């Protein structure tokens, strides 16, 4: 769930809760019935928000795990590639060292 859609969903839920609250408060019911309706609506809204948060948490965990796996693979690839490069560099340096030794030996003759 993207951040924008999460904000939109939260705004819709808040708007629905506020609208329902005003509707209940201005309804021509007795105080006891009104309080009961408010409590029921608050519990429904709490349940909906809890479900949304739980879903968002699951999605975030899933995405984080996927990104972790991708990162680990890229890191492994990079380390492997660097290892090959290091081997190439060492081989090149060893060849250069041998060339220098030969030149040095020729100079001392």
C-alpha atoms as a PDB file:
ATOM      1  CA  UNK A   1       0.000   0.000   0.000  1.00  0.00           C
ATOM      2  CA  UNK A   2       1.502   3.314  -0.958  1.00  0.00           C
ATOM      3  CA  UNK A   3       1.716   6.188   1.466  1.00  0.00           C
ATOM      4  CA  UNK A   4      -0.850   8.236  -0.502  1.00  0.00           C
ATOM      5  CA  UNK A   5      -3.440   5.461  -0.598  1.00  0.00           C
ATOM      6  CA  UNK A   6      -2.894   4.872   3.136  1.00  0.00           C
ATOM      7  CA  UNK A   7      -3.492   8.564   3.836  1.00  0.00           C
ATOM      8  CA  UNK A   8      -6.590   8.560   1.651  1.00  0.00           C
ATOM      9  CA  UNK A   9      -7.954   5.474   3.423  1.00  0.00           C
ATOM     10  CA  UNK A  10      -7.306   7.018   6.834  1.00  0.00           C
ATOM     11  CA  UNK A  11      -9.022  10.250   5.763  1.00  0.00           C
ATOM     12  CA  UNK A  12     -12.045   8.315   4.474  1.00  0.00           C
ATOM     13  CA  UNK A  13     -12.325   6.331   7.696  1.00  0.00           C
ATOM     14  CA  UNK A  14     -11.977   9.467   9.799  1.00  0.00           C
ATOM     15  CA  UNK A  15     -14.576  11.262   7.672  1.00  0.00           C
ATOM     16  CA  UNK A  16     -16.984   8.339   7.947  1.00  0.00           C
ATOM     17  CA  UNK A  17     -16.540   8.180  11.711  1.00  0.00           C
ATOM     18  CA  UNK A  18     -17.039  11.919  12.133  1.00  0.00           C
ATOM     19  CA  UNK A  19     -20.080  11.912   9.830  1.00  0.00           C
ATOM     20  CA  UNK A  20     -21.621   8.986  11.661  1.00  0.00           C
ATOM     21  CA  UNK A  21     -20.939  10.671  14.993  1.00  0.00           C
ATOM     22  CA  UNK A  22     -22.672  13.872  13.941  1.00  0.00           C
ATOM     23  CA  UNK A  23     -25.571  11.915  12.488  1.00  0.00           C
ATOM     24  CA  UNK A  24     -26.041  10.030  15.729  1.00  0.00           C
ATOM     25  CA  UNK A  25     -25.690  13.147  17.879  1.00  0.00           C
ATOM     26  CA  UNK A  26     -28.352  15.014  15.915  1.00  0.00           C
ATOM     27  CA  UNK A  27     -30.737  12.077  15.637  1.00  0.00           C
ATOM     28  CA  UNK A  28     -33.909  12.394  17.719  1.00  0.00           C
ATOM     29  CA  UNK A  29     -33.131   9.368  19.952  1.00  0.00           C
ATOM     30  CA  UNK A  30     -32.893   9.158  23.722  1.00  0.00           C
ATOM     31  CA  UNK A  31     -29.454   9.754  25.282  1.00  0.00           C
ATOM     32  CA  UNK A  32     -29.065   6.091  26.189  1.00  0.00           C
ATOM     33  CA  UNK A  33     -29.708   4.962  22.597  1.00  0.00           C
ATOM     34  CA  UNK A  34     -27.437   7.656  21.236  1.00  0.00           C
ATOM     35  CA  UNK A  35     -24.582   6.640  23.552  1.00  0.00           C
ATOM     36  CA  UNK A  36     -25.096   3.001  22.576  1.00  0.00           C
ATOM     37  CA  UNK A  37     -24.964   3.884  18.869  1.00  0.00           C
ATOM     38  CA  UNK A  38     -21.835   5.995  19.408  1.00  0.00           C
ATOM     39  CA  UNK A  39     -20.169   3.133  21.296  1.00  0.00           C
ATOM     40  CA  UNK A  40     -21.095   0.616  18.588  1.00  0.00           C
ATOM     41  CA  UNK A  41     -19.851   2.899  15.820  1.00  0.00           C
ATOM     42  CA  UNK A  42     -16.621   3.574  17.724  1.00  0.00           C
ATOM     43  CA  UNK A  43     -16.053  -0.175  18.153  1.00  0.00           C
ATOM     44  CA  UNK A  44     -16.728  -0.775  14.440  1.00  0.00           C
ATOM     45  CA  UNK A  45     -14.316   1.990  13.486  1.00  0.00           C
ATOM     46  CA  UNK A  46     -11.704   0.657  15.909  1.00  0.00           C
ATOM     47  CA  UNK A  47     -12.061  -2.795  14.356  1.00  0.00           C
ATOM     48  CA  UNK A  48     -11.735  -1.406  10.816  1.00  0.00           C
ATOM     49  CA  UNK A  49      -8.655   0.621  11.727  1.00  0.00           C
ATOM     50  CA  UNK A  50      -7.120  -2.391  13.471  1.00  0.00           C
ATOM     51  CA  UNK A  51      -7.668  -4.497  10.344  1.00  0.00           C
ATOM     52  CA  UNK A  52      -6.181  -1.789   8.106  1.00  0.00           C
ATOM     53  CA  UNK A  53      -3.134  -1.389  10.346  1.00  0.00           C
ATOM     54  CA  UNK A  54      -2.676  -5.156  10.473  1.00  0.00           C
ATOM     55  CA  UNK A  55      -2.914  -5.388   6.686  1.00  0.00           C
ATOM     56  CA  UNK A  56      -0.474  -2.494   6.239  1.00  0.00           C
ATOM     57  CA  UNK A  57       1.938  -4.155   8.677  1.00  0.00           C
ATOM     58  CA  UNK A  58       1.741  -7.445   6.753  1.00  0.00           C
ATOM     59  CA  UNK A  59       2.339  -5.673   3.449  1.00  0.00           C
ATOM     60  CA  UNK A  60       5.252  -3.719   4.889  1.00  0.00           C
ATOM     61  CA  UNK A  61       6.796  -6.877   6.344  1.00  0.00           C
ATOM     62  CA  UNK A  62       6.357  -8.690   3.039  1.00  0.00           C
ATOM     63  CA  UNK A  63       7.932  -5.829   1.098  1.00  0.00           C
ATOM     64  CA  UNK A  64      10.799  -5.524   3.586  1.00  0.00           C
ATOM     65  CA  UNK A  65      11.513  -9.247   3.323  1.00  0.00           C
ATOM     66  CA  UNK A  66      11.477  -9.097  -0.480  1.00  0.00           C
ATOM     67  CA  UNK A  67      13.839  -6.122  -0.467  1.00  0.00           C
ATOM     68  CA  UNK A  68      16.099  -7.895   2.033  1.00  0.00           C
ATOM     69  CA  UNK A  69      16.390 -10.913  -0.269  1.00  0.00           C
ATOM     70  CA  UNK A  70      17.086  -8.659  -3.269  1.00  0.00           C
ATOM     71  CA  UNK A  71      19.729  -6.747  -1.304  1.00  0.00           C
ATOM     72  CA  UNK A  72      21.421  -9.932  -0.121  1.00  0.00           C
ATOM     73  CA  UNK A  73      21.548 -11.258  -3.694  1.00  0.00           C
ATOM     74  CA  UNK A  74      22.980  -8.001  -5.035  1.00  0.00           C
ATOM     75  CA  UNK A  75      25.522  -7.927  -2.221  1.00  0.00           C
ATOM     76  CA  UNK A  76      26.553 -11.508  -2.958  1.00  0.00           C
ATOM     77  CA  UNK A  77      26.858 -10.705  -6.682  1.00  0.00           C
ATOM     78  CA  UNK A  78      28.935  -7.617  -5.931  1.00  0.00           C
ATOM     79  CA  UNK A  79      31.250  -9.496  -3.571  1.00  0.00           C
ATOM     80  CA  UNK A  80      31.649 -12.279  -6.114  1.00  0.00           C
ATOM     81  CA  UNK A  81      32.376  -9.773  -8.888  1.00  0.00           C
ATOM     82  CA  UNK A  82      34.873  -7.948  -6.662  1.00  0.00           C
ATOM     83  CA  UNK A  83      36.564 -11.240  -5.837  1.00  0.00           C
ATOM     84  CA  UNK A  84      37.091 -11.958  -9.540  1.00  0.00           C
ATOM     85  CA  UNK A  85      38.403  -8.431 -10.022  1.00  0.00           C
ATOM     86  CA  UNK A  86      40.778  -8.851  -7.076  1.00  0.00           C
ATOM     87  CA  UNK A  87      42.062 -12.110  -8.595  1.00  0.00           C
ATOM     88  CA  UNK A  88      42.627 -10.328 -11.907  1.00  0.00           C
ATOM     89  CA  UNK A  89      44.465  -7.484 -10.191  1.00  0.00           C
ATOM     90  CA  UNK A  90      46.667  -9.896  -8.215  1.00  0.00           C
ATOM     91  CA  UNK A  91      47.510 -11.866 -11.373  1.00  0.00           C
ATOM     92  CA  UNK A  92      48.381  -8.649 -13.213  1.00  0.00           C
ATOM     93  CA  UNK A  93      50.563  -7.460 -10.329  1.00  0.00           C
ATOM     94  CA  UNK A  94      52.331 -10.819 -10.199  1.00  0.00           C
ATOM     95  CA  UNK A  95      53.057 -10.603 -13.951  1.00  0.00           C
ATOM     96  CA  UNK A  96      54.374  -7.063 -13.552  1.00  0.00           C
ATOM     97  CA  UNK A  97      56.545  -8.175 -10.638  1.00  0.00           C
ATOM     98  CA  UNK A  98      58.030 -10.980 -12.739  1.00  0.00           C
ATOM     99  CA  UNK A  99      58.729  -8.516 -15.565  1.00  0.00           C
ATOM    100  CA  UNK A 100      60.448  -6.143 -13.131  1.00  0.00           C
ATOM    101  CA  UNK A 101      62.523  -8.995 -11.692  1.00  0.00           C
ATOM    102  CA  UNK A 102      63.658  -9.960 -15.212  1.00  0.00           C
ATOM    103  CA  UNK A 103      64.557  -6.362 -16.055  1.00  0.00           C
ATOM    104  CA  UNK A 104      66.380  -5.994 -12.751  1.00  0.00           C
ATOM    105  CA  UNK A 105      68.328  -9.225 -13.387  1.00  0.00           C
ATOM    106  CA  UNK A 106      69.316  -7.979 -16.864  1.00  0.00           C
ATOM    107  CA  UNK A 107      70.540  -4.679 -15.421  1.00  0.00           C
ATOM    108  CA  UNK A 108      72.769  -6.460 -12.896  1.00  0.00           C
ATOM    109  CA  UNK A 109      74.514  -8.608 -15.584  1.00  0.00           C
END
